[in-house]
């Protein structure tokens, strides 16, 4: 009984102190899964860092779909929906910052 109590107390103090595993972002995962020749792990990681600074989680989810279906980007860009227009402006800004920040990784 004493061992069980000691083990439980130890677990209560040690487990919260352990770092949580780092989960790759949705953009990074999509980039790494893509079959593009220029998609290195370093470039995908850099792209995710820029996305984290400039795109919302929902924007990132939408942008990640472009890796699997590039035509979807064209559909969003040409859409008459106001939400798509606003997204596209944010996405263009993301692209500019990405090119300036990560372009050297190509």
C-alpha atoms as a PDB file:
ATOM      1  CA  UNK A   1       0.000   0.000   0.000  1.00  0.00           C
ATOM      2  CA  UNK A   2       2.851   2.354   0.876  1.00  0.00           C
ATOM      3  CA  UNK A   3       4.547   1.688  -2.500  1.00  0.00           C
ATOM      4  CA  UNK A   4       1.354   2.443  -4.410  1.00  0.00           C
ATOM      5  CA  UNK A   5       0.929   5.728  -2.565  1.00  0.00           C
ATOM      6  CA  UNK A   6       4.563   6.692  -3.192  1.00  0.00           C
ATOM      7  CA  UNK A   7       4.255   5.806  -6.888  1.00  0.00           C
ATOM      8  CA  UNK A   8       1.072   7.859  -7.203  1.00  0.00           C
ATOM      9  CA  UNK A   9       2.684  10.885  -5.538  1.00  0.00           C
ATOM     10  CA  UNK A  10       5.770  10.582  -7.712  1.00  0.00           C
ATOM     11  CA  UNK A  11       3.637  10.373 -10.843  1.00  0.00           C
ATOM     12  CA  UNK A  12       1.641  13.404  -9.753  1.00  0.00           C
ATOM     13  CA  UNK A  13       4.817  15.507  -9.579  1.00  0.00           C
ATOM     14  CA  UNK A  14       6.850  14.047 -12.452  1.00  0.00           C
ATOM     15  CA  UNK A  15       4.234  13.710 -15.213  1.00  0.00           C
ATOM     16  CA  UNK A  16       3.205  17.401 -15.286  1.00  0.00           C
ATOM     17  CA  UNK A  17       6.881  18.413 -15.420  1.00  0.00           C
ATOM     18  CA  UNK A  18       7.532  16.339 -18.531  1.00  0.00           C
ATOM     19  CA  UNK A  19       7.405  18.312 -21.772  1.00  0.00           C
ATOM     20  CA  UNK A  20       4.503  17.607 -24.058  1.00  0.00           C
ATOM     21  CA  UNK A  21       5.358  16.274 -27.510  1.00  0.00           C
ATOM     22  CA  UNK A  22       5.542  18.946 -30.173  1.00  0.00           C
ATOM     23  CA  UNK A  23       2.828  18.551 -32.728  1.00  0.00           C
ATOM     24  CA  UNK A  24       3.527  19.774 -36.220  1.00  0.00           C
ATOM     25  CA  UNK A  25       1.059  22.332 -37.486  1.00  0.00           C
ATOM     26  CA  UNK A  26      -1.444  21.644 -40.209  1.00  0.00           C
ATOM     27  CA  UNK A  27       0.559  23.577 -42.834  1.00  0.00           C
ATOM     28  CA  UNK A  28       3.792  21.782 -41.964  1.00  0.00           C
ATOM     29  CA  UNK A  29       2.116  18.367 -42.134  1.00  0.00           C
ATOM     30  CA  UNK A  30       0.513  19.118 -45.491  1.00  0.00           C
ATOM     31  CA  UNK A  31       3.781  20.497 -46.841  1.00  0.00           C
ATOM     32  CA  UNK A  32       5.766  17.454 -45.733  1.00  0.00           C
ATOM     33  CA  UNK A  33       3.187  15.072 -47.228  1.00  0.00           C
ATOM     34  CA  UNK A  34       3.181  16.863 -50.573  1.00  0.00           C
ATOM     35  CA  UNK A  35       5.138  15.482 -53.494  1.00  0.00           C
ATOM     36  CA  UNK A  36       6.779  18.802 -54.310  1.00  0.00           C
ATOM     37  CA  UNK A  37      10.522  18.583 -54.876  1.00  0.00           C
ATOM     38  CA  UNK A  38      11.230  21.842 -53.021  1.00  0.00           C
ATOM     39  CA  UNK A  39       9.346  20.735 -49.880  1.00  0.00           C
ATOM     40  CA  UNK A  40      12.156  20.101 -47.403  1.00  0.00           C
ATOM     41  CA  UNK A  41      11.487  19.659 -43.700  1.00  0.00           C
ATOM     42  CA  UNK A  42      13.272  22.947 -42.969  1.00  0.00           C
ATOM     43  CA  UNK A  43      11.178  24.831 -45.511  1.00  0.00           C
ATOM     44  CA  UNK A  44       7.925  23.266 -44.271  1.00  0.00           C
ATOM     45  CA  UNK A  45       8.837  24.126 -40.673  1.00  0.00           C
ATOM     46  CA  UNK A  46       9.624  27.715 -41.691  1.00  0.00           C
ATOM     47  CA  UNK A  47       6.323  27.916 -43.571  1.00  0.00           C
ATOM     48  CA  UNK A  48       4.477  26.765 -40.451  1.00  0.00           C
ATOM     49  CA  UNK A  49       6.217  29.395 -38.335  1.00  0.00           C
ATOM     50  CA  UNK A  50       5.122  32.125 -40.742  1.00  0.00           C
ATOM     51  CA  UNK A  51       1.602  30.686 -40.854  1.00  0.00           C
ATOM     52  CA  UNK A  52       1.413  30.669 -37.053  1.00  0.00           C
ATOM     53  CA  UNK A  53       2.198  34.391 -37.064  1.00  0.00           C
ATOM     54  CA  UNK A  54      -0.051  35.469 -39.916  1.00  0.00           C
ATOM     55  CA  UNK A  55      -2.950  33.031 -40.362  1.00  0.00           C
ATOM     56  CA  UNK A  56      -5.691  31.887 -38.005  1.00  0.00           C
ATOM     57  CA  UNK A  57      -6.160  28.187 -37.333  1.00  0.00           C
ATOM     58  CA  UNK A  58      -9.096  28.115 -39.763  1.00  0.00           C
ATOM     59  CA  UNK A  59      -7.064  29.943 -42.419  1.00  0.00           C
ATOM     60  CA  UNK A  60      -4.276  27.392 -41.957  1.00  0.00           C
ATOM     61  CA  UNK A  61      -6.685  24.492 -42.371  1.00  0.00           C
ATOM     62  CA  UNK A  62      -7.990  25.956 -45.615  1.00  0.00           C
ATOM     63  CA  UNK A  63      -4.505  26.779 -46.918  1.00  0.00           C
ATOM     64  CA  UNK A  64      -3.300  23.258 -46.110  1.00  0.00           C
ATOM     65  CA  UNK A  65      -5.902  21.821 -48.479  1.00  0.00           C
ATOM     66  CA  UNK A  66      -4.134  23.590 -51.367  1.00  0.00           C
ATOM     67  CA  UNK A  67      -1.244  21.112 -51.136  1.00  0.00           C
ATOM     68  CA  UNK A  68      -3.543  18.228 -51.979  1.00  0.00           C
ATOM     69  CA  UNK A  69      -5.813  20.138 -54.344  1.00  0.00           C
ATOM     70  CA  UNK A  70      -4.031  23.137 -55.923  1.00  0.00           C
ATOM     71  CA  UNK A  71      -7.105  23.927 -58.017  1.00  0.00           C
ATOM     72  CA  UNK A  72      -8.968  24.730 -54.806  1.00  0.00           C
ATOM     73  CA  UNK A  73      -6.699  27.763 -54.356  1.00  0.00           C
ATOM     74  CA  UNK A  74      -7.854  29.040 -57.749  1.00  0.00           C
ATOM     75  CA  UNK A  75     -11.488  28.452 -56.805  1.00  0.00           C
ATOM     76  CA  UNK A  76     -11.068  30.380 -53.547  1.00  0.00           C
ATOM     77  CA  UNK A  77      -9.205  33.204 -55.304  1.00  0.00           C
ATOM     78  CA  UNK A  78     -11.972  33.595 -57.909  1.00  0.00           C
ATOM     79  CA  UNK A  79     -14.854  33.124 -55.492  1.00  0.00           C
ATOM     80  CA  UNK A  80     -17.401  35.906 -55.038  1.00  0.00           C
ATOM     81  CA  UNK A  81     -17.859  35.115 -51.362  1.00  0.00           C
ATOM     82  CA  UNK A  82     -16.682  37.949 -49.142  1.00  0.00           C
ATOM     83  CA  UNK A  83     -15.103  35.513 -46.661  1.00  0.00           C
ATOM     84  CA  UNK A  84     -13.013  34.020 -49.474  1.00  0.00           C
ATOM     85  CA  UNK A  85     -11.937  37.477 -50.608  1.00  0.00           C
ATOM     86  CA  UNK A  86     -10.796  38.363 -47.098  1.00  0.00           C
ATOM     87  CA  UNK A  87      -9.022  35.012 -46.741  1.00  0.00           C
ATOM     88  CA  UNK A  88      -7.240  35.530 -50.045  1.00  0.00           C
ATOM     89  CA  UNK A  89      -5.886  38.901 -48.933  1.00  0.00           C
ATOM     90  CA  UNK A  90      -4.518  37.321 -45.748  1.00  0.00           C
ATOM     91  CA  UNK A  91      -3.145  34.387 -47.753  1.00  0.00           C
ATOM     92  CA  UNK A  92      -1.346  36.728 -50.173  1.00  0.00           C
ATOM     93  CA  UNK A  93       0.246  38.534 -47.220  1.00  0.00           C
ATOM     94  CA  UNK A  94       1.275  35.156 -45.803  1.00  0.00           C
ATOM     95  CA  UNK A  95       2.852  34.262 -49.148  1.00  0.00           C
ATOM     96  CA  UNK A  96       4.852  37.489 -49.226  1.00  0.00           C
ATOM     97  CA  UNK A  97       6.150  37.039 -45.685  1.00  0.00           C
ATOM     98  CA  UNK A  98       6.931  33.383 -46.409  1.00  0.00           C
ATOM     99  CA  UNK A  99       8.933  34.292 -49.524  1.00  0.00           C
ATOM    100  CA  UNK A 100      10.892  36.928 -47.596  1.00  0.00           C
ATOM    101  CA  UNK A 101      11.476  34.721 -44.546  1.00  0.00           C
ATOM    102  CA  UNK A 102      11.916  31.265 -46.038  1.00  0.00           C
ATOM    103  CA  UNK A 103      12.813  31.829 -49.694  1.00  0.00           C
ATOM    104  CA  UNK A 104      16.483  31.075 -49.035  1.00  0.00           C
ATOM    105  CA  UNK A 105      15.545  27.470 -48.153  1.00  0.00           C
ATOM    106  CA  UNK A 106      14.601  26.561 -51.754  1.00  0.00           C
END
